[in-house]
Amino acid sequence: MKSSPCAVSYNKIISARAGTVIYPSGSRYGPRIQDDFQLVFLHSGEMKIEIDGKAHHFLPGSVVLLKPGHHELFTFSDRGETWHRWISIHMGHITMEEIAVFDALPLFLPISEELNRIADIMLSLQFEHPSSSEVLRSLGMSALLVYISEMTRTRELEEVHSSILRAKNLIHKAYQDELTLSMLADHAGVSPEHLVRLFRVNENTTPVKYLWRYRVLRALEFLTHTGLSITEISLRCGFKTTFHFARTVKQHTGKTPTELRLFSWKGSQSD
């Protein structure tokens, strides 16, 4: 019987970590040789990755599985910023049989709410509890498990995911604009009621809640990686007032925008 990558690889995981980065328009990264298994979450912008000389284009809402030993060159959108997060899993020696199992996995899938939550937790742990390496290893393994399970679900529900993906793509491109459930449903090609059902069944949330969560995620990136004012960030991320911005951010993170920026500043000073 073929070995499952998850059954044999957990004890081989040496470390796991997560990161987040915003690339300016027209940026490039690499070339490099990939050392780890890495899940790259493309949240906004556009990304082209040349893997062993073959170009692959990715749009927002995609999570890409990169594997060790391959030559990579990243090129990002020349029409605006590109934001992605990543989870990197560093393993010891893996067998040819295990490599073959990983090679059978798809290069990319839609980003699920479950994978997003794992990335959230890992980033939070690294920030607040930098010594929690054992937990990070477990979360890195969980991310691979979820990716594999999402592959099965994606294949079974391909048509469902296409509607969800269309709605997500609109959110990722126009999150700063006033978006309604009807607008998202029209873009997805289904009724508002059906879109809500699809999101609840497959994403464990609703389209509107997904929109606000995405706006908060974008705001957190601007708070911790730019010098934009809180007022400018709130407007840029689709919030009508700074009060609404602060209240929503606190509901999602437990901290105010000012506190998040202060903690980020202190963290950078201690590095």
C-alpha atoms as a PDB file:
ATOM      1  CA  MET A   1       0.000   0.000   0.000  1.00  0.00           C
ATOM      2  CA  LYS A   2       1.293   3.445  -0.835  1.00  0.00           C
ATOM      3  CA  SER A   3       2.423   5.604   2.029  1.00  0.00           C
ATOM      4  CA  SER A   4       0.352   8.621   2.883  1.00  0.00           C
ATOM      5  CA  PRO A   5       2.475  11.784   3.123  1.00  0.00           C
ATOM      6  CA  CYS A   6       0.687  12.714   6.319  1.00  0.00           C
ATOM      7  CA  ALA A   7       1.104   9.283   7.932  1.00  0.00           C
ATOM      8  CA  VAL A   8       4.859   9.169   7.439  1.00  0.00           C
ATOM      9  CA  SER A   9       5.877  12.814   7.455  1.00  0.00           C
ATOM     10  CA  TYR A  10       4.689  14.176  10.805  1.00  0.00           C
ATOM     11  CA  ASN A  11       7.698  12.913  12.762  1.00  0.00           C
ATOM     12  CA  LYS A  12       9.939  14.258  10.019  1.00  0.00           C
ATOM     13  CA  ILE A  13       8.722  17.834  10.419  1.00  0.00           C
ATOM     14  CA  ILE A  14      11.632  19.795  11.856  1.00  0.00           C
ATOM     15  CA  SER A  15       9.937  23.185  11.971  1.00  0.00           C
ATOM     16  CA  ALA A  16       7.003  25.180  10.610  1.00  0.00           C
ATOM     17  CA  ARG A  17       6.409  28.893  10.389  1.00  0.00           C
ATOM     18  CA  ALA A  18       4.177  31.429   8.693  1.00  0.00           C
ATOM     19  CA  GLY A  19       4.687  34.858   7.186  1.00  0.00           C
ATOM     20  CA  THR A  20       2.961  37.699   5.401  1.00  0.00           C
ATOM     21  CA  VAL A  21       4.284  40.151   2.825  1.00  0.00           C
ATOM     22  CA  ILE A  22       3.044  42.956   0.571  1.00  0.00           C
ATOM     23  CA  TYR A  23       4.986  43.379  -2.679  1.00  0.00           C
ATOM     24  CA  PRO A  24       4.923  46.751  -4.485  1.00  0.00           C
ATOM     25  CA  SER A  25       3.787  46.895  -8.103  1.00  0.00           C
ATOM     26  CA  GLY A  26       6.185  45.183 -10.515  1.00  0.00           C
ATOM     27  CA  SER A  27       8.209  43.348  -7.854  1.00  0.00           C
ATOM     28  CA  ARG A  28      10.163  40.141  -8.414  1.00  0.00           C
ATOM     29  CA  TYR A  29      11.496  37.568  -5.962  1.00  0.00           C
ATOM     30  CA  GLY A  30      14.125  34.958  -6.732  1.00  0.00           C
ATOM     31  CA  PRO A  31      15.370  32.965  -8.430  1.00  0.00           C
ATOM     32  CA  ARG A  32      15.684  30.483  -5.617  1.00  0.00           C
ATOM     33  CA  ILE A  33      15.687  26.739  -4.970  1.00  0.00           C
ATOM     34  CA  GLN A  34      12.764  25.823  -2.723  1.00  0.00           C
ATOM     35  CA  ASP A  35      13.942  24.176   0.496  1.00  0.00           C
ATOM     36  CA  ASP A  36      10.592  23.369   2.107  1.00  0.00           C
ATOM     37  CA  PHE A  37       7.012  22.469   1.486  1.00  0.00           C
ATOM     38  CA  GLN A  38       5.276  25.836   1.312  1.00  0.00           C
ATOM     39  CA  LEU A  39       1.658  26.913   1.011  1.00  0.00           C
ATOM     40  CA  VAL A  40       1.397  30.388  -0.539  1.00  0.00           C
ATOM     41  CA  PHE A  41      -1.929  32.191  -0.019  1.00  0.00           C
ATOM     42  CA  LEU A  42      -2.534  34.846  -2.687  1.00  0.00           C
ATOM     43  CA  HIS A  43      -4.981  37.364  -1.194  1.00  0.00           C
ATOM     44  CA  SER A  44      -4.711  40.299  -3.598  1.00  0.00           C
ATOM     45  CA  GLY A  45      -2.878  41.374  -6.719  1.00  0.00           C
ATOM     46  CA  GLU A  46      -1.477  38.815  -9.137  1.00  0.00           C
ATOM     47  CA  MET A  47       1.422  36.384  -9.109  1.00  0.00           C
ATOM     48  CA  LYS A  48       3.387  34.427 -11.699  1.00  0.00           C
ATOM     49  CA  ILE A  49       5.716  31.670 -10.524  1.00  0.00           C
ATOM     50  CA  GLU A  50       8.196  30.055 -12.879  1.00  0.00           C
ATOM     51  CA  ILE A  51       8.805  26.557 -11.532  1.00  0.00           C
ATOM     52  CA  ASP A  52      11.705  24.788 -13.238  1.00  0.00           C
ATOM     53  CA  GLY A  53      11.275  27.212 -16.159  1.00  0.00           C
ATOM     54  CA  LYS A  54       7.531  26.682 -16.601  1.00  0.00           C
ATOM     55  CA  ALA A  55       5.319  29.723 -15.886  1.00  0.00           C
ATOM     56  CA  HIS A  56       2.148  29.444 -13.805  1.00  0.00           C
ATOM     57  CA  HIS A  57      -0.243  32.376 -13.274  1.00  0.00           C
ATOM     58  CA  PHE A  58      -2.311  32.735 -10.100  1.00  0.00           C
ATOM     59  CA  LEU A  59      -5.183  35.035  -9.168  1.00  0.00           C
ATOM     60  CA  PRO A  60      -6.399  36.107  -5.718  1.00  0.00           C
ATOM     61  CA  GLY A  61      -8.147  33.390  -3.734  1.00  0.00           C
ATOM     62  CA  SER A  62      -5.611  30.699  -4.679  1.00  0.00           C
ATOM     63  CA  VAL A  63      -3.327  28.748  -2.349  1.00  0.00           C
ATOM     64  CA  VAL A  64      -0.271  27.287  -4.098  1.00  0.00           C
ATOM     65  CA  LEU A  65       1.644  24.210  -2.922  1.00  0.00           C
ATOM     66  CA  LEU A  66       5.397  24.556  -3.526  1.00  0.00           C
ATOM     67  CA  LYS A  67       7.685  21.578  -3.014  1.00  0.00           C
ATOM     68  CA  PRO A  68      11.393  21.257  -2.198  1.00  0.00           C
ATOM     69  CA  GLY A  69      14.092  20.956  -4.814  1.00  0.00           C
ATOM     70  CA  HIS A  70      12.464  23.084  -7.519  1.00  0.00           C
ATOM     71  CA  HIS A  71      13.810  26.293  -9.064  1.00  0.00           C
ATOM     72  CA  GLU A  72      11.381  29.208  -8.577  1.00  0.00           C
ATOM     73  CA  LEU A  73      11.089  32.803  -9.765  1.00  0.00           C
ATOM     74  CA  PHE A  74       8.224  35.036  -8.599  1.00  0.00           C
ATOM     75  CA  THR A  75       6.858  37.995 -10.578  1.00  0.00           C
ATOM     76  CA  PHE A  76       4.090  40.124  -9.077  1.00  0.00           C
ATOM     77  CA  SER A  77       1.404  42.365 -10.561  1.00  0.00           C
ATOM     78  CA  ASP A  78       2.531  45.558 -12.286  1.00  0.00           C
ATOM     79  CA  ARG A  79      -0.919  47.095 -11.727  1.00  0.00           C
ATOM     80  CA  GLY A  80      -0.786  47.444  -7.949  1.00  0.00           C
ATOM     81  CA  GLU A  81       0.328  45.783  -4.727  1.00  0.00           C
ATOM     82  CA  THR A  82       0.293  42.026  -4.283  1.00  0.00           C
ATOM     83  CA  TRP A  83      -0.372  40.574  -0.839  1.00  0.00           C
ATOM     84  CA  HIS A  84       0.289  36.979   0.074  1.00  0.00           C
ATOM     85  CA  ARG A  85       0.797  34.933   3.202  1.00  0.00           C
ATOM     86  CA  TRP A  86       2.643  31.645   3.495  1.00  0.00           C
ATOM     87  CA  ILE A  87       3.088  28.576   5.661  1.00  0.00           C
ATOM     88  CA  SER A  88       6.443  26.825   5.351  1.00  0.00           C
ATOM     89  CA  ILE A  89       7.015  23.254   6.588  1.00  0.00           C
ATOM     90  CA  HIS A  90      10.646  22.154   6.861  1.00  0.00           C
ATOM     91  CA  MET A  91      11.111  18.369   6.799  1.00  0.00           C
ATOM     92  CA  GLY A  92      13.969  15.956   7.158  1.00  0.00           C
ATOM     93  CA  HIS A  93      14.792  13.406   4.481  1.00  0.00           C
ATOM     94  CA  ILE A  94      11.752  12.152   2.584  1.00  0.00           C
ATOM     95  CA  THR A  95      11.655   9.072   0.396  1.00  0.00           C
ATOM     96  CA  MET A  96      11.040   8.915  -3.340  1.00  0.00           C
ATOM     97  CA  GLU A  97       7.700   7.265  -2.618  1.00  0.00           C
ATOM     98  CA  GLU A  98       6.663  10.170  -0.400  1.00  0.00           C
ATOM     99  CA  ILE A  99       7.788  12.671  -3.036  1.00  0.00           C
ATOM    100  CA  ALA A 100       5.628  10.875  -5.604  1.00  0.00           C
ATOM    101  CA  VAL A 101       2.586  11.175  -3.323  1.00  0.00           C
ATOM    102  CA  PHE A 102       3.149  14.898  -2.861  1.00  0.00           C
ATOM    103  CA  ASP A 103       3.737  15.342  -6.589  1.00  0.00           C
ATOM    104  CA  ALA A 104       0.269  13.894  -7.205  1.00  0.00           C
ATOM    105  CA  LEU A 105      -1.323  16.783  -5.287  1.00  0.00           C
ATOM    106  CA  PRO A 106      -2.652  19.766  -7.289  1.00  0.00           C
ATOM    107  CA  LEU A 107      -0.420  22.809  -7.693  1.00  0.00           C
ATOM    108  CA  PHE A 108      -3.120  25.128  -6.359  1.00  0.00           C
ATOM    109  CA  LEU A 109      -6.595  25.146  -4.800  1.00  0.00           C
ATOM    110  CA  PRO A 110      -9.078  27.780  -3.646  1.00  0.00           C
ATOM    111  CA  ILE A 111      -8.194  29.219  -0.236  1.00  0.00           C
ATOM    112  CA  SER A 112     -10.580  27.772   2.345  1.00  0.00           C
ATOM    113  CA  GLU A 113     -11.672  29.347   5.602  1.00  0.00           C
ATOM    114  CA  GLU A 114      -9.951  26.492   7.469  1.00  0.00           C
ATOM    115  CA  LEU A 115      -6.574  27.169   5.851  1.00  0.00           C
ATOM    116  CA  ASN A 116      -6.981  30.883   6.507  1.00  0.00           C
ATOM    117  CA  ARG A 117      -7.623  30.182  10.184  1.00  0.00           C
ATOM    118  CA  ILE A 118      -4.501  28.025  10.472  1.00  0.00           C
ATOM    119  CA  ALA A 119      -2.426  30.840   8.947  1.00  0.00           C
ATOM    120  CA  ASP A 120      -4.055  33.323  11.360  1.00  0.00           C
ATOM    121  CA  ILE A 121      -3.205  31.158  14.378  1.00  0.00           C
ATOM    122  CA  MET A 122       0.375  30.555  13.295  1.00  0.00           C
ATOM    123  CA  LEU A 123       1.036  34.251  12.702  1.00  0.00           C
ATOM    124  CA  SER A 124      -0.534  35.126  16.053  1.00  0.00           C
ATOM    125  CA  LEU A 125       1.495  32.471  17.904  1.00  0.00           C
ATOM    126  CA  GLN A 126       4.757  33.621  16.325  1.00  0.00           C
ATOM    127  CA  PHE A 127       3.934  37.182  17.345  1.00  0.00           C
ATOM    128  CA  GLU A 128       2.751  36.572  20.924  1.00  0.00           C
ATOM    129  CA  HIS A 129       4.471  33.266  21.795  1.00  0.00           C
ATOM    130  CA  PRO A 130       7.644  32.971  19.707  1.00  0.00           C
ATOM    131  CA  SER A 131       8.788  29.871  21.647  1.00  0.00           C
ATOM    132  CA  SER A 132       5.778  27.740  20.650  1.00  0.00           C
ATOM    133  CA  SER A 133       7.696  25.720  18.032  1.00  0.00           C
ATOM    134  CA  GLU A 134       6.013  22.407  18.880  1.00  0.00           C
ATOM    135  CA  VAL A 135       2.549  23.856  18.349  1.00  0.00           C
ATOM    136  CA  LEU A 136       3.706  25.429  15.091  1.00  0.00           C
ATOM    137  CA  ARG A 137       4.920  22.029  13.887  1.00  0.00           C
ATOM    138  CA  SER A 138       1.469  20.570  14.571  1.00  0.00           C
ATOM    139  CA  LEU A 139      -0.231  23.459  12.800  1.00  0.00           C
ATOM    140  CA  GLY A 140       2.063  23.076   9.807  1.00  0.00           C
ATOM    141  CA  MET A 141       1.064  19.431   9.592  1.00  0.00           C
ATOM    142  CA  SER A 142      -2.593  20.429   9.948  1.00  0.00           C
ATOM    143  CA  ALA A 143      -2.226  22.813   7.011  1.00  0.00           C
ATOM    144  CA  LEU A 144      -0.995  19.963   4.803  1.00  0.00           C
ATOM    145  CA  LEU A 145      -3.840  17.745   5.986  1.00  0.00           C
ATOM    146  CA  VAL A 146      -6.397  20.425   5.218  1.00  0.00           C
ATOM    147  CA  TYR A 147      -4.850  21.024   1.786  1.00  0.00           C
ATOM    148  CA  ILE A 148      -5.203  17.330   0.978  1.00  0.00           C
ATOM    149  CA  SER A 149      -8.793  17.208   2.229  1.00  0.00           C
ATOM    150  CA  GLU A 150      -9.608  20.367   0.265  1.00  0.00           C
ATOM    151  CA  MET A 151      -8.316  18.643  -2.877  1.00  0.00           C
ATOM    152  CA  THR A 152     -10.943  15.930  -2.428  1.00  0.00           C
ATOM    153  CA  ARG A 153     -13.717  18.400  -1.666  1.00  0.00           C
ATOM    154  CA  THR A 154     -12.754  20.623  -4.588  1.00  0.00           C
ATOM    155  CA  ARG A 155     -12.941  17.740  -7.011  1.00  0.00           C
ATOM    156  CA  GLU A 156     -16.321  16.649  -5.658  1.00  0.00           C
ATOM    157  CA  LEU A 157     -17.796  20.151  -5.643  1.00  0.00           C
ATOM    158  CA  GLU A 158     -16.063  21.786  -8.610  1.00  0.00           C
ATOM    159  CA  GLU A 159     -19.162  23.641  -9.787  1.00  0.00           C
ATOM    160  CA  VAL A 160     -19.948  24.854  -6.285  1.00  0.00           C
ATOM    161  CA  HIS A 161     -16.452  26.167  -5.835  1.00  0.00           C
ATOM    162  CA  SER A 162     -16.567  28.037  -9.122  1.00  0.00           C
ATOM    163  CA  SER A 163     -19.474  30.143  -7.806  1.00  0.00           C
ATOM    164  CA  ILE A 164     -17.721  30.722  -4.502  1.00  0.00           C
ATOM    165  CA  LEU A 165     -14.474  31.562  -6.275  1.00  0.00           C
ATOM    166  CA  ARG A 166     -16.181  34.149  -8.466  1.00  0.00           C
ATOM    167  CA  ALA A 167     -17.672  35.815  -5.391  1.00  0.00           C
ATOM    168  CA  LYS A 168     -14.314  35.715  -3.589  1.00  0.00           C
ATOM    169  CA  ASN A 169     -12.483  37.138  -6.581  1.00  0.00           C
ATOM    170  CA  LEU A 170     -14.811  40.131  -6.629  1.00  0.00           C
ATOM    171  CA  ILE A 171     -14.253  40.645  -2.906  1.00  0.00           C
ATOM    172  CA  HIS A 172     -10.477  40.439  -3.309  1.00  0.00           C
ATOM    173  CA  LYS A 173     -10.468  42.927  -6.185  1.00  0.00           C
ATOM    174  CA  ALA A 174     -13.064  45.418  -4.891  1.00  0.00           C
ATOM    175  CA  TYR A 175     -13.109  44.997  -1.093  1.00  0.00           C
ATOM    176  CA  GLN A 176     -12.675  48.765  -0.666  1.00  0.00           C
ATOM    177  CA  ASP A 177     -15.915  49.426  -2.571  1.00  0.00           C
ATOM    178  CA  GLU A 178     -19.472  49.123  -1.319  1.00  0.00           C
ATOM    179  CA  LEU A 179     -20.351  45.495  -2.072  1.00  0.00           C
ATOM    180  CA  THR A 180     -23.744  43.965  -1.357  1.00  0.00           C
ATOM    181  CA  LEU A 181     -24.907  40.364  -1.231  1.00  0.00           C
ATOM    182  CA  SER A 182     -26.871  40.929  -4.458  1.00  0.00           C
ATOM    183  CA  MET A 183     -23.771  42.231  -6.239  1.00  0.00           C
ATOM    184  CA  LEU A 184     -21.737  39.223  -5.113  1.00  0.00           C
ATOM    185  CA  ALA A 185     -24.491  36.815  -6.179  1.00  0.00           C
ATOM    186  CA  ASP A 186     -24.826  38.460  -9.605  1.00  0.00           C
ATOM    187  CA  HIS A 187     -21.082  38.157 -10.127  1.00  0.00           C
ATOM    188  CA  ALA A 188     -21.173  34.498  -9.025  1.00  0.00           C
ATOM    189  CA  GLY A 189     -24.104  33.707 -11.313  1.00  0.00           C
ATOM    190  CA  VAL A 190     -26.418  32.404  -8.573  1.00  0.00           C
ATOM    191  CA  SER A 191     -29.207  33.792  -6.412  1.00  0.00           C
ATOM    192  CA  PRO A 192     -28.318  35.560  -3.148  1.00  0.00           C
ATOM    193  CA  GLU A 193     -29.998  32.791  -1.133  1.00  0.00           C
ATOM    194  CA  HIS A 194     -28.048  30.078  -2.969  1.00  0.00           C
ATOM    195  CA  LEU A 195     -24.750  31.911  -2.525  1.00  0.00           C
ATOM    196  CA  VAL A 196     -25.380  32.169   1.217  1.00  0.00           C
ATOM    197  CA  ARG A 197     -26.072  28.415   1.350  1.00  0.00           C
ATOM    198  CA  LEU A 198     -22.908  27.641  -0.611  1.00  0.00           C
ATOM    199  CA  PHE A 199     -20.744  29.738   1.703  1.00  0.00           C
ATOM    200  CA  ARG A 200     -22.326  28.266   4.832  1.00  0.00           C
ATOM    201  CA  VAL A 201     -21.856  24.678   3.666  1.00  0.00           C
ATOM    202  CA  ASN A 202     -18.387  25.045   2.142  1.00  0.00           C
ATOM    203  CA  GLU A 203     -16.789  27.992   3.970  1.00  0.00           C
ATOM    204  CA  ASN A 204     -18.599  27.885   7.329  1.00  0.00           C
ATOM    205  CA  THR A 205     -19.478  31.565   6.968  1.00  0.00           C
ATOM    206  CA  THR A 206     -21.614  33.873   4.815  1.00  0.00           C
ATOM    207  CA  PRO A 207     -20.511  35.998   1.846  1.00  0.00           C
ATOM    208  CA  VAL A 208     -20.930  39.241   3.799  1.00  0.00           C
ATOM    209  CA  LYS A 209     -19.047  37.914   6.837  1.00  0.00           C
ATOM    210  CA  TYR A 210     -16.292  36.739   4.499  1.00  0.00           C
ATOM    211  CA  LEU A 211     -16.138  40.256   3.008  1.00  0.00           C
ATOM    212  CA  TRP A 212     -15.730  41.911   6.407  1.00  0.00           C
ATOM    213  CA  ARG A 213     -13.164  39.353   7.543  1.00  0.00           C
ATOM    214  CA  TYR A 214     -11.168  40.001   4.376  1.00  0.00           C
ATOM    215  CA  ARG A 215     -11.335  43.752   4.978  1.00  0.00           C
ATOM    216  CA  VAL A 216      -9.985  43.217   8.489  1.00  0.00           C
ATOM    217  CA  LEU A 217      -7.169  41.009   7.158  1.00  0.00           C
ATOM    218  CA  ARG A 218      -6.173  43.691   4.665  1.00  0.00           C
ATOM    219  CA  ALA A 219      -6.345  46.349   7.375  1.00  0.00           C
ATOM    220  CA  LEU A 220      -4.038  44.292   9.614  1.00  0.00           C
ATOM    221  CA  GLU A 221      -1.496  44.107   6.813  1.00  0.00           C
ATOM    222  CA  PHE A 222      -1.567  47.877   6.350  1.00  0.00           C
ATOM    223  CA  LEU A 223      -1.375  48.476  10.103  1.00  0.00           C
ATOM    224  CA  THR A 224       1.684  46.293  10.589  1.00  0.00           C
ATOM    225  CA  HIS A 225       3.529  46.835   7.293  1.00  0.00           C
ATOM    226  CA  THR A 226       2.890  50.455   6.301  1.00  0.00           C
ATOM    227  CA  GLY A 227       2.937  53.911   7.840  1.00  0.00           C
ATOM    228  CA  LEU A 228      -0.552  54.789   6.587  1.00  0.00           C
ATOM    229  CA  SER A 229      -2.736  56.561   9.135  1.00  0.00           C
ATOM    230  CA  ILE A 230      -5.589  54.658  10.772  1.00  0.00           C
ATOM    231  CA  THR A 231      -8.080  56.943   9.035  1.00  0.00           C
ATOM    232  CA  GLU A 232      -6.528  56.270   5.635  1.00  0.00           C
ATOM    233  CA  ILE A 233      -6.435  52.518   6.263  1.00  0.00           C
ATOM    234  CA  SER A 234     -10.084  52.453   7.330  1.00  0.00           C
ATOM    235  CA  LEU A 235     -11.174  54.224   4.141  1.00  0.00           C
ATOM    236  CA  ARG A 236      -8.866  52.157   1.962  1.00  0.00           C
ATOM    237  CA  CYS A 237     -10.317  48.932   3.365  1.00  0.00           C
ATOM    238  CA  GLY A 238     -13.988  49.783   2.901  1.00  0.00           C
ATOM    239  CA  PHE A 239     -14.923  51.116   6.348  1.00  0.00           C
ATOM    240  CA  LYS A 240     -17.089  54.239   6.333  1.00  0.00           C
ATOM    241  CA  THR A 241     -15.833  55.615   9.661  1.00  0.00           C
ATOM    242  CA  THR A 242     -12.837  55.075  11.926  1.00  0.00           C
ATOM    243  CA  PHE A 243     -15.251  54.132  14.732  1.00  0.00           C
ATOM    244  CA  HIS A 244     -16.702  51.318  12.611  1.00  0.00           C
ATOM    245  CA  PHE A 245     -13.168  50.282  11.674  1.00  0.00           C
ATOM    246  CA  ALA A 246     -11.964  50.151  15.288  1.00  0.00           C
ATOM    247  CA  ARG A 247     -15.053  48.287  16.492  1.00  0.00           C
ATOM    248  CA  THR A 248     -14.853  45.656  13.731  1.00  0.00           C
ATOM    249  CA  VAL A 249     -11.104  45.104  14.167  1.00  0.00           C
ATOM    250  CA  LYS A 250     -11.571  44.651  17.924  1.00  0.00           C
ATOM    251  CA  GLN A 251     -14.393  42.152  17.333  1.00  0.00           C
ATOM    252  CA  HIS A 252     -12.127  40.068  15.100  1.00  0.00           C
ATOM    253  CA  THR A 253      -8.801  40.374  16.954  1.00  0.00           C
ATOM    254  CA  GLY A 254      -9.567  41.455  20.520  1.00  0.00           C
ATOM    255  CA  LYS A 255      -7.355  44.524  20.039  1.00  0.00           C
ATOM    256  CA  THR A 256      -7.879  48.035  18.711  1.00  0.00           C
ATOM    257  CA  PRO A 257      -6.027  49.208  15.572  1.00  0.00           C
ATOM    258  CA  THR A 258      -3.799  51.410  17.746  1.00  0.00           C
ATOM    259  CA  GLU A 259      -2.905  48.467  20.003  1.00  0.00           C
ATOM    260  CA  LEU A 260      -2.120  46.249  17.017  1.00  0.00           C
ATOM    261  CA  ARG A 261       0.153  48.867  15.501  1.00  0.00           C
ATOM    262  CA  LEU A 262       1.897  49.418  18.846  1.00  0.00           C
ATOM    263  CA  PHE A 263       2.487  45.677  19.374  1.00  0.00           C
ATOM    264  CA  SER A 264       3.826  45.382  15.836  1.00  0.00           C
ATOM    265  CA  TRP A 265       6.189  48.304  16.404  1.00  0.00           C
ATOM    266  CA  LYS A 266       7.453  46.802  19.679  1.00  0.00           C
ATOM    267  CA  GLY A 267       7.988  43.461  17.974  1.00  0.00           C
ATOM    268  CA  SER A 268      10.062  45.030  15.212  1.00  0.00           C
ATOM    269  CA  GLN A 269      12.147  46.938  17.767  1.00  0.00           C
ATOM    270  CA  SER A 270      13.000  43.713  19.618  1.00  0.00           C
ATOM    271  CA  ASP A 271      14.165  41.841  16.488  1.00  0.00           C
END
